[in-house]
PDB file of N, CA and C in Angstrom:
ATOM      1  N   UNK A   1      15.946 -13.451 -11.198  1.00  0.00           N
ATOM      2  CA  UNK A   1      15.429 -12.073 -11.189  1.00  0.00           C
ATOM      3  C   UNK A   1      16.130 -11.237 -10.200  1.00  0.00           C
ATOM      4  N   UNK A   2      16.528 -10.077 -10.535  1.00  0.00           N
ATOM      5  CA  UNK A   2      17.143  -9.146  -9.632  1.00  0.00           C
ATOM      6  C   UNK A   2      16.044  -8.215  -9.129  1.00  0.00           C
ATOM      7  N   UNK A   3      15.977  -8.191  -7.812  1.00  0.00           N
ATOM      8  CA  UNK A   3      14.916  -7.341  -7.132  1.00  0.00           C
ATOM      9  C   UNK A   3      15.616  -6.036  -6.722  1.00  0.00           C
ATOM     10  N   UNK A   4      15.058  -4.976  -7.272  1.00  0.00           N
ATOM     11  CA  UNK A   4      15.567  -3.642  -6.930  1.00  0.00           C
ATOM     12  C   UNK A   4      14.470  -2.830  -6.350  1.00  0.00           C
ATOM     13  N   UNK A   5      13.858  -3.385  -5.222  1.00  0.00           N
ATOM     14  CA  UNK A   5      12.782  -2.729  -4.582  1.00  0.00           C
ATOM     15  C   UNK A   5      13.120  -1.326  -4.008  1.00  0.00           C
ATOM     16  N   UNK A   6      14.274  -1.252  -3.474  1.00  0.00           N
ATOM     17  CA  UNK A   6      14.720   0.036  -2.920  1.00  0.00           C
ATOM     18  C   UNK A   6      14.700   1.146  -3.915  1.00  0.00           C
ATOM     19  N   UNK A   7      15.262   0.837  -5.103  1.00  0.00           N
ATOM     20  CA  UNK A   7      15.155   1.881  -6.144  1.00  0.00           C
ATOM     21  C   UNK A   7      13.735   2.144  -6.641  1.00  0.00           C
ATOM     22  N   UNK A   8      12.937   1.105  -6.695  1.00  0.00           N
ATOM     23  CA  UNK A   8      11.587   1.327  -7.081  1.00  0.00           C
ATOM     24  C   UNK A   8      10.813   2.065  -6.072  1.00  0.00           C
ATOM     25  N   UNK A   9      11.028   1.860  -4.783  1.00  0.00           N
ATOM     26  CA  UNK A   9      10.343   2.630  -3.775  1.00  0.00           C
ATOM     27  C   UNK A   9      10.805   4.093  -3.844  1.00  0.00           C
ATOM     28  N   UNK A  10      12.143   4.328  -3.964  1.00  0.00           N
ATOM     29  CA  UNK A  10      12.636   5.684  -4.083  1.00  0.00           C
ATOM     30  C   UNK A  10      11.969   6.457  -5.231  1.00  0.00           C
ATOM     31  N   UNK A  11      11.870   5.764  -6.319  1.00  0.00           N
ATOM     32  CA  UNK A  11      11.290   6.414  -7.584  1.00  0.00           C
ATOM     33  C   UNK A  11       9.747   6.710  -7.319  1.00  0.00           C
ATOM     34  N   UNK A  12       9.058   5.797  -6.656  1.00  0.00           N
ATOM     35  CA  UNK A  12       7.655   5.977  -6.340  1.00  0.00           C
ATOM     36  C   UNK A  12       7.502   7.110  -5.381  1.00  0.00           C
ATOM     37  N   UNK A  13       8.431   7.194  -4.319  1.00  0.00           N
ATOM     38  CA  UNK A  13       8.285   8.304  -3.329  1.00  0.00           C
ATOM     39  C   UNK A  13       8.486   9.607  -4.017  1.00  0.00           C
ATOM     40  N   UNK A  14       9.389   9.721  -5.030  1.00  0.00           N
ATOM     41  CA  UNK A  14       9.561  10.927  -5.771  1.00  0.00           C
ATOM     42  C   UNK A  14       8.233  11.320  -6.516  1.00  0.00           C
ATOM     43  N   UNK A  15       7.590  10.267  -7.038  1.00  0.00           N
ATOM     44  CA  UNK A  15       6.305  10.518  -7.723  1.00  0.00           C
ATOM     45  C   UNK A  15       5.233  11.013  -6.726  1.00  0.00           C
ATOM     46  N   UNK A  16       5.318  10.485  -5.466  1.00  0.00           N
ATOM     47  CA  UNK A  16       4.420  10.942  -4.488  1.00  0.00           C
ATOM     48  C   UNK A  16       4.566  12.352  -4.017  1.00  0.00           C
ATOM     49  N   UNK A  17       5.829  12.817  -4.093  1.00  0.00           N
ATOM     50  CA  UNK A  17       6.070  14.194  -3.769  1.00  0.00           C
ATOM     51  C   UNK A  17       5.456  15.153  -4.818  1.00  0.00           C
ATOM     52  N   UNK A  18       5.382  14.692  -6.011  1.00  0.00           N
ATOM     53  CA  UNK A  18       4.758  15.479  -7.076  1.00  0.00           C
ATOM     54  C   UNK A  18       3.271  15.418  -7.058  1.00  0.00           C
ATOM     55  N   UNK A  19       2.765  14.204  -6.521  1.00  0.00           N
ATOM     56  CA  UNK A  19       1.303  13.917  -6.532  1.00  0.00           C
ATOM     57  C   UNK A  19       0.958  13.126  -5.279  1.00  0.00           C
ATOM     58  N   UNK A  20       0.939  13.865  -4.104  1.00  0.00           N
ATOM     59  CA  UNK A  20       0.756  13.160  -2.814  1.00  0.00           C
ATOM     60  C   UNK A  20      -0.543  12.320  -2.694  1.00  0.00           C
ATOM     61  N   UNK A  21      -1.597  12.817  -3.404  1.00  0.00           N
ATOM     62  CA  UNK A  21      -2.855  12.110  -3.386  1.00  0.00           C
ATOM     63  C   UNK A  21      -3.040  11.109  -4.540  1.00  0.00           C
ATOM     64  N   UNK A  22      -1.934  10.685  -5.109  1.00  0.00           N
ATOM     65  CA  UNK A  22      -1.946   9.781  -6.178  1.00  0.00           C
ATOM     66  C   UNK A  22      -2.290   8.328  -5.650  1.00  0.00           C
ATOM     67  N   UNK A  23      -3.575   7.989  -5.809  1.00  0.00           N
ATOM     68  CA  UNK A  23      -4.057   6.708  -5.149  1.00  0.00           C
ATOM     69  C   UNK A  23      -3.248   5.494  -5.728  1.00  0.00           C
ATOM     70  N   UNK A  24      -3.025   5.445  -6.963  1.00  0.00           N
ATOM     71  CA  UNK A  24      -2.266   4.353  -7.591  1.00  0.00           C
ATOM     72  C   UNK A  24      -0.851   4.276  -7.060  1.00  0.00           C
ATOM     73  N   UNK A  25      -0.290   5.407  -6.882  1.00  0.00           N
ATOM     74  CA  UNK A  25       1.136   5.440  -6.358  1.00  0.00           C
ATOM     75  C   UNK A  25       1.190   4.934  -4.968  1.00  0.00           C
ATOM     76  N   UNK A  26       0.360   5.479  -4.118  1.00  0.00           N
ATOM     77  CA  UNK A  26       0.260   4.999  -2.737  1.00  0.00           C
ATOM     78  C   UNK A  26       0.079   3.576  -2.682  1.00  0.00           C
ATOM     79  N   UNK A  27      -0.837   2.985  -3.511  1.00  0.00           N
ATOM     80  CA  UNK A  27      -1.040   1.585  -3.473  1.00  0.00           C
ATOM     81  C   UNK A  27       0.159   0.778  -3.920  1.00  0.00           C
ATOM     82  N   UNK A  28       0.839   1.327  -5.012  1.00  0.00           N
ATOM     83  CA  UNK A  28       2.007   0.491  -5.499  1.00  0.00           C
ATOM     84  C   UNK A  28       3.122   0.519  -4.450  1.00  0.00           C
ATOM     85  N   UNK A  29       3.348   1.660  -3.767  1.00  0.00           N
ATOM     86  CA  UNK A  29       4.327   1.728  -2.662  1.00  0.00           C
ATOM     87  C   UNK A  29       4.017   0.752  -1.626  1.00  0.00           C
ATOM     88  N   UNK A  30       2.727   0.675  -1.212  1.00  0.00           N
ATOM     89  CA  UNK A  30       2.314  -0.315  -0.198  1.00  0.00           C
ATOM     90  C   UNK A  30       2.595  -1.686  -0.676  1.00  0.00           C
ATOM     91  N   UNK A  31       2.327  -2.036  -1.907  1.00  0.00           N
ATOM     92  CA  UNK A  31       2.693  -3.356  -2.376  1.00  0.00           C
ATOM     93  C   UNK A  31       4.126  -3.627  -2.298  1.00  0.00           C
ATOM     94  N   UNK A  32       5.022  -2.683  -2.663  1.00  0.00           N
ATOM     95  CA  UNK A  32       6.467  -2.896  -2.642  1.00  0.00           C
ATOM     96  C   UNK A  32       6.901  -3.090  -1.164  1.00  0.00           C
ATOM     97  N   UNK A  33       6.435  -2.307  -0.207  1.00  0.00           N
ATOM     98  CA  UNK A  33       6.761  -2.522   1.116  1.00  0.00           C
ATOM     99  C   UNK A  33       6.284  -3.823   1.675  1.00  0.00           C
ATOM    100  N   UNK A  34       5.204  -4.261   1.247  1.00  0.00           N
ATOM    101  CA  UNK A  34       4.601  -5.561   1.779  1.00  0.00           C
ATOM    102  C   UNK A  34       5.399  -6.705   1.172  1.00  0.00           C
ATOM    103  N   UNK A  35       5.834  -6.653  -0.074  1.00  0.00           N
ATOM    104  CA  UNK A  35       6.690  -7.674  -0.582  1.00  0.00           C
ATOM    105  C   UNK A  35       8.020  -7.854   0.173  1.00  0.00           C
ATOM    106  N   UNK A  36       8.551  -6.673   0.584  1.00  0.00           N
ATOM    107  CA  UNK A  36       9.763  -6.588   1.301  1.00  0.00           C
ATOM    108  C   UNK A  36       9.543  -7.003   2.803  1.00  0.00           C
ATOM    109  N   UNK A  37       8.349  -7.150   3.200  1.00  0.00           N
ATOM    110  CA  UNK A  37       7.958  -7.494   4.631  1.00  0.00           C
ATOM    111  C   UNK A  37       8.151  -6.334   5.571  1.00  0.00           C
ATOM    112  N   UNK A  38       8.080  -5.105   4.984  1.00  0.00           N
ATOM    113  CA  UNK A  38       8.161  -3.899   5.835  1.00  0.00           C
ATOM    114  C   UNK A  38       6.755  -3.491   6.163  1.00  0.00           C
ATOM    115  N   UNK A  39       6.162  -4.244   7.179  1.00  0.00           N
ATOM    116  CA  UNK A  39       4.754  -4.173   7.480  1.00  0.00           C
ATOM    117  C   UNK A  39       4.325  -2.719   7.878  1.00  0.00           C
ATOM    118  N   UNK A  40       5.130  -1.976   8.711  1.00  0.00           N
ATOM    119  CA  UNK A  40       4.643  -0.746   9.158  1.00  0.00           C
ATOM    120  C   UNK A  40       4.526   0.186   7.963  1.00  0.00           C
ATOM    121  N   UNK A  41       5.410   0.318   7.076  1.00  0.00           N
ATOM    122  CA  UNK A  41       5.411   1.181   5.995  1.00  0.00           C
ATOM    123  C   UNK A  41       4.343   0.757   4.981  1.00  0.00           C
ATOM    124  N   UNK A  42       4.174  -0.582   4.800  1.00  0.00           N
ATOM    125  CA  UNK A  42       3.046  -1.091   3.916  1.00  0.00           C
ATOM    126  C   UNK A  42       1.713  -0.678   4.466  1.00  0.00           C
ATOM    127  N   UNK A  43       1.475  -0.879   5.707  1.00  0.00           N
ATOM    128  CA  UNK A  43       0.143  -0.505   6.272  1.00  0.00           C
ATOM    129  C   UNK A  43      -0.089   0.944   6.116  1.00  0.00           C
ATOM    130  N   UNK A  44       0.987   1.821   6.406  1.00  0.00           N
ATOM    131  CA  UNK A  44       0.862   3.247   6.392  1.00  0.00           C
ATOM    132  C   UNK A  44       0.367   3.652   4.905  1.00  0.00           C
ATOM    133  N   UNK A  45       1.074   3.167   3.915  1.00  0.00           N
ATOM    134  CA  UNK A  45       0.774   3.535   2.585  1.00  0.00           C
ATOM    135  C   UNK A  45      -0.549   3.035   2.123  1.00  0.00           C
ATOM    136  N   UNK A  46      -0.897   1.726   2.542  1.00  0.00           N
ATOM    137  CA  UNK A  46      -2.138   1.114   2.188  1.00  0.00           C
ATOM    138  C   UNK A  46      -3.322   1.886   2.832  1.00  0.00           C
ATOM    139  N   UNK A  47      -3.119   2.383   4.055  1.00  0.00           N
ATOM    140  CA  UNK A  47      -4.184   3.078   4.752  1.00  0.00           C
ATOM    141  C   UNK A  47      -4.442   4.384   4.009  1.00  0.00           C
ATOM    142  N   UNK A  48      -3.384   5.033   3.511  1.00  0.00           N
ATOM    143  CA  UNK A  48      -3.543   6.212   2.721  1.00  0.00           C
ATOM    144  C   UNK A  48      -4.257   5.917   1.498  1.00  0.00           C
ATOM    145  N   UNK A  49      -3.899   4.928   0.724  1.00  0.00           N
ATOM    146  CA  UNK A  49      -4.528   4.554  -0.517  1.00  0.00           C
ATOM    147  C   UNK A  49      -6.098   4.300  -0.274  1.00  0.00           C
ATOM    148  N   UNK A  50      -6.304   3.606   0.858  1.00  0.00           N
ATOM    149  CA  UNK A  50      -7.758   3.261   1.174  1.00  0.00           C
ATOM    150  C   UNK A  50      -8.560   4.507   1.501  1.00  0.00           C
ATOM    151  N   UNK A  51      -7.929   5.392   2.279  1.00  0.00           N
ATOM    152  CA  UNK A  51      -8.620   6.649   2.540  1.00  0.00           C
ATOM    153  C   UNK A  51      -8.825   7.557   1.326  1.00  0.00           C
ATOM    154  N   UNK A  52      -8.092   7.323   0.199  1.00  0.00           N
ATOM    155  CA  UNK A  52      -8.251   8.031  -1.063  1.00  0.00           C
ATOM    156  C   UNK A  52      -9.196   7.264  -1.918  1.00  0.00           C
ATOM    157  N   UNK A  53      -9.895   6.256  -1.375  1.00  0.00           N
ATOM    158  CA  UNK A  53     -11.000   5.521  -2.027  1.00  0.00           C
ATOM    159  C   UNK A  53     -10.375   4.507  -3.079  1.00  0.00           C
ATOM    160  N   UNK A  54      -9.286   3.777  -2.751  1.00  0.00           N
ATOM    161  CA  UNK A  54      -8.851   2.759  -3.526  1.00  0.00           C
ATOM    162  C   UNK A  54      -9.772   1.555  -3.582  1.00  0.00           C
ATOM    163  N   UNK A  55      -9.869   0.753  -4.590  1.00  0.00           N
ATOM    164  CA  UNK A  55     -10.760  -0.309  -4.799  1.00  0.00           C
ATOM    165  C   UNK A  55     -10.351  -1.415  -3.817  1.00  0.00           C
ATOM    166  N   UNK A  56     -11.404  -1.875  -3.000  1.00  0.00           N
ATOM    167  CA  UNK A  56     -11.160  -2.927  -2.011  1.00  0.00           C
ATOM    168  C   UNK A  56     -10.629  -4.211  -2.554  1.00  0.00           C
ATOM    169  N   UNK A  57     -11.140  -4.559  -3.762  1.00  0.00           N
ATOM    170  CA  UNK A  57     -10.675  -5.822  -4.371  1.00  0.00           C
ATOM    171  C   UNK A  57      -9.209  -5.748  -4.648  1.00  0.00           C
ATOM    172  N   UNK A  58      -8.596  -4.657  -4.978  1.00  0.00           N
ATOM    173  CA  UNK A  58      -7.201  -4.609  -5.190  1.00  0.00           C
ATOM    174  C   UNK A  58      -6.393  -4.808  -3.902  1.00  0.00           C
ATOM    175  N   UNK A  59      -7.034  -4.436  -2.730  1.00  0.00           N
ATOM    176  CA  UNK A  59      -6.306  -4.603  -1.471  1.00  0.00           C
ATOM    177  C   UNK A  59      -6.035  -6.038  -1.157  1.00  0.00           C
ATOM    178  N   UNK A  60      -6.871  -6.841  -1.712  1.00  0.00           N
ATOM    179  CA  UNK A  60      -6.757  -8.370  -1.363  1.00  0.00           C
ATOM    180  C   UNK A  60      -5.713  -8.997  -2.356  1.00  0.00           C
ATOM    181  N   UNK A  61      -4.921  -8.266  -3.048  1.00  0.00           N
ATOM    182  CA  UNK A  61      -3.871  -8.671  -3.889  1.00  0.00           C
ATOM    183  C   UNK A  61      -2.843  -9.619  -3.047  1.00  0.00           C
ATOM    184  N   UNK A  62      -2.380 -10.600  -3.787  1.00  0.00           N
ATOM    185  CA  UNK A  62      -1.404 -11.581  -3.227  1.00  0.00           C
ATOM    186  C   UNK A  62      -0.173 -10.844  -2.607  1.00  0.00           C
ATOM    187  N   UNK A  63       0.162  -9.711  -3.093  1.00  0.00           N
ATOM    188  CA  UNK A  63       1.256  -8.964  -2.619  1.00  0.00           C
ATOM    189  C   UNK A  63       1.195  -8.605  -1.116  1.00  0.00           C
ATOM    190  N   UNK A  64       0.009  -8.565  -0.688  1.00  0.00           N
ATOM    191  CA  UNK A  64      -0.229  -8.302   0.762  1.00  0.00           C
ATOM    192  C   UNK A  64      -0.381  -9.407   1.686  1.00  0.00           C
ATOM    193  N   UNK A  65      -0.023 -10.621   1.152  1.00  0.00           N
ATOM    194  CA  UNK A  65      -0.145 -11.821   1.816  1.00  0.00           C
ATOM    195  C   UNK A  65       0.668 -11.754   3.208  1.00  0.00           C
ATOM    196  N   UNK A  66       1.754 -11.269   3.254  1.00  0.00           N
ATOM    197  CA  UNK A  66       2.681 -11.142   4.398  1.00  0.00           C
ATOM    198  C   UNK A  66       2.040 -10.359   5.481  1.00  0.00           C
ATOM    199  N   UNK A  67       1.225  -9.408   5.156  1.00  0.00           N
ATOM    200  CA  UNK A  67       0.619  -8.544   6.267  1.00  0.00           C
ATOM    201  C   UNK A  67      -0.908  -8.776   6.448  1.00  0.00           C
ATOM    202  N   UNK A  68      -1.462  -9.580   5.656  1.00  0.00           N
ATOM    203  CA  UNK A  68      -2.945  -9.732   5.685  1.00  0.00           C
ATOM    204  C   UNK A  68      -3.530 -10.088   7.018  1.00  0.00           C
ATOM    205  N   UNK A  69      -2.850 -10.753   7.894  1.00  0.00           N
ATOM    206  CA  UNK A  69      -3.401 -11.067   9.171  1.00  0.00           C
ATOM    207  C   UNK A  69      -3.105 -10.079  10.221  1.00  0.00           C
ATOM    208  N   UNK A  70      -2.423  -8.982   9.941  1.00  0.00           N
ATOM    209  CA  UNK A  70      -2.039  -8.083  10.918  1.00  0.00           C
ATOM    210  C   UNK A  70      -3.305  -7.177  11.244  1.00  0.00           C
ATOM    211  N   UNK A  71      -3.474  -6.796  12.569  1.00  0.00           N
ATOM    212  CA  UNK A  71      -4.575  -5.926  12.928  1.00  0.00           C
ATOM    213  C   UNK A  71      -4.610  -4.653  12.134  1.00  0.00           C
ATOM    214  N   UNK A  72      -3.513  -4.099  11.810  1.00  0.00           N
ATOM    215  CA  UNK A  72      -3.429  -2.831  11.080  1.00  0.00           C
ATOM    216  C   UNK A  72      -3.952  -3.077   9.635  1.00  0.00           C
ATOM    217  N   UNK A  73      -3.689  -4.133   9.041  1.00  0.00           N
ATOM    218  CA  UNK A  73      -4.239  -4.414   7.689  1.00  0.00           C
ATOM    219  C   UNK A  73      -5.727  -4.495   7.760  1.00  0.00           C
ATOM    220  N   UNK A  74      -6.193  -5.215   8.780  1.00  0.00           N
ATOM    221  CA  UNK A  74      -7.684  -5.309   8.942  1.00  0.00           C
ATOM    222  C   UNK A  74      -8.369  -3.967   9.199  1.00  0.00           C
ATOM    223  N   UNK A  75      -7.576  -3.162   9.999  1.00  0.00           N
ATOM    224  CA  UNK A  75      -8.098  -1.749  10.202  1.00  0.00           C
ATOM    225  C   UNK A  75      -8.228  -1.024   8.914  1.00  0.00           C
ATOM    226  N   UNK A  76      -7.187  -1.134   8.023  1.00  0.00           N
ATOM    227  CA  UNK A  76      -7.215  -0.434   6.723  1.00  0.00           C
ATOM    228  C   UNK A  76      -8.416  -0.853   5.889  1.00  0.00           C
ATOM    229  N   UNK A  77      -8.771  -2.077   5.914  1.00  0.00           N
ATOM    230  CA  UNK A  77      -9.888  -2.621   5.232  1.00  0.00           C
ATOM    231  C   UNK A  77     -11.236  -2.076   5.783  1.00  0.00           C
ATOM    232  N   UNK A  78     -11.313  -1.933   7.092  1.00  0.00           N
ATOM    233  CA  UNK A  78     -12.418  -1.322   7.753  1.00  0.00           C
ATOM    234  C   UNK A  78     -12.621   0.069   7.348  1.00  0.00           C
ATOM    235  N   UNK A  79     -11.517   0.815   7.090  1.00  0.00           N
ATOM    236  CA  UNK A  79     -11.682   2.257   6.635  1.00  0.00           C
ATOM    237  C   UNK A  79     -12.400   2.224   5.306  1.00  0.00           C
ATOM    238  N   UNK A  80     -12.017   1.305   4.454  1.00  0.00           N
ATOM    239  CA  UNK A  80     -12.702   1.297   3.140  1.00  0.00           C
ATOM    240  C   UNK A  80     -14.104   0.900   3.310  1.00  0.00           C
ATOM    241  N   UNK A  81     -14.414  -0.067   4.112  1.00  0.00           N
ATOM    242  CA  UNK A  81     -15.815  -0.519   4.291  1.00  0.00           C
ATOM    243  C   UNK A  81     -16.699   0.597   4.826  1.00  0.00           C
ATOM    244  N   UNK A  82     -16.147   1.475   5.658  1.00  0.00           N
ATOM    245  CA  UNK A  82     -16.862   2.608   6.220  1.00  0.00           C
ATOM    246  C   UNK A  82     -17.304   3.617   5.117  1.00  0.00           C
ATOM    247  N   UNK A  83     -16.404   3.781   4.157  1.00  0.00           N
ATOM    248  CA  UNK A  83     -16.629   4.854   3.144  1.00  0.00           C
ATOM    249  C   UNK A  83     -17.535   4.397   2.061  1.00  0.00           C
ATOM    250  N   UNK A  84     -17.933   3.062   1.979  1.00  0.00           N
ATOM    251  CA  UNK A  84     -18.838   2.678   0.968  1.00  0.00           C
ATOM    252  C   UNK A  84     -20.206   2.670   1.351  1.00  0.00           C
TER     253      UNK A  84
END
């Protein structure tokens, strides 16, 4: 399998410029960054998706395994719990 995450992220970022509050796009970009082990960027995008009311169950996706124990990831989950 050829991984072209950089191209995928670039395409998703273009989509975000057109729809900055696109919850699904923010979430997908967070997934791509997490898979690449770019923790800072993954948390940043995940936090935005959560603040836009993304489903908490989706945040527990296996793609976030690399960052799941980070304090920032836990903080992102707390944001979601506060809005429910």
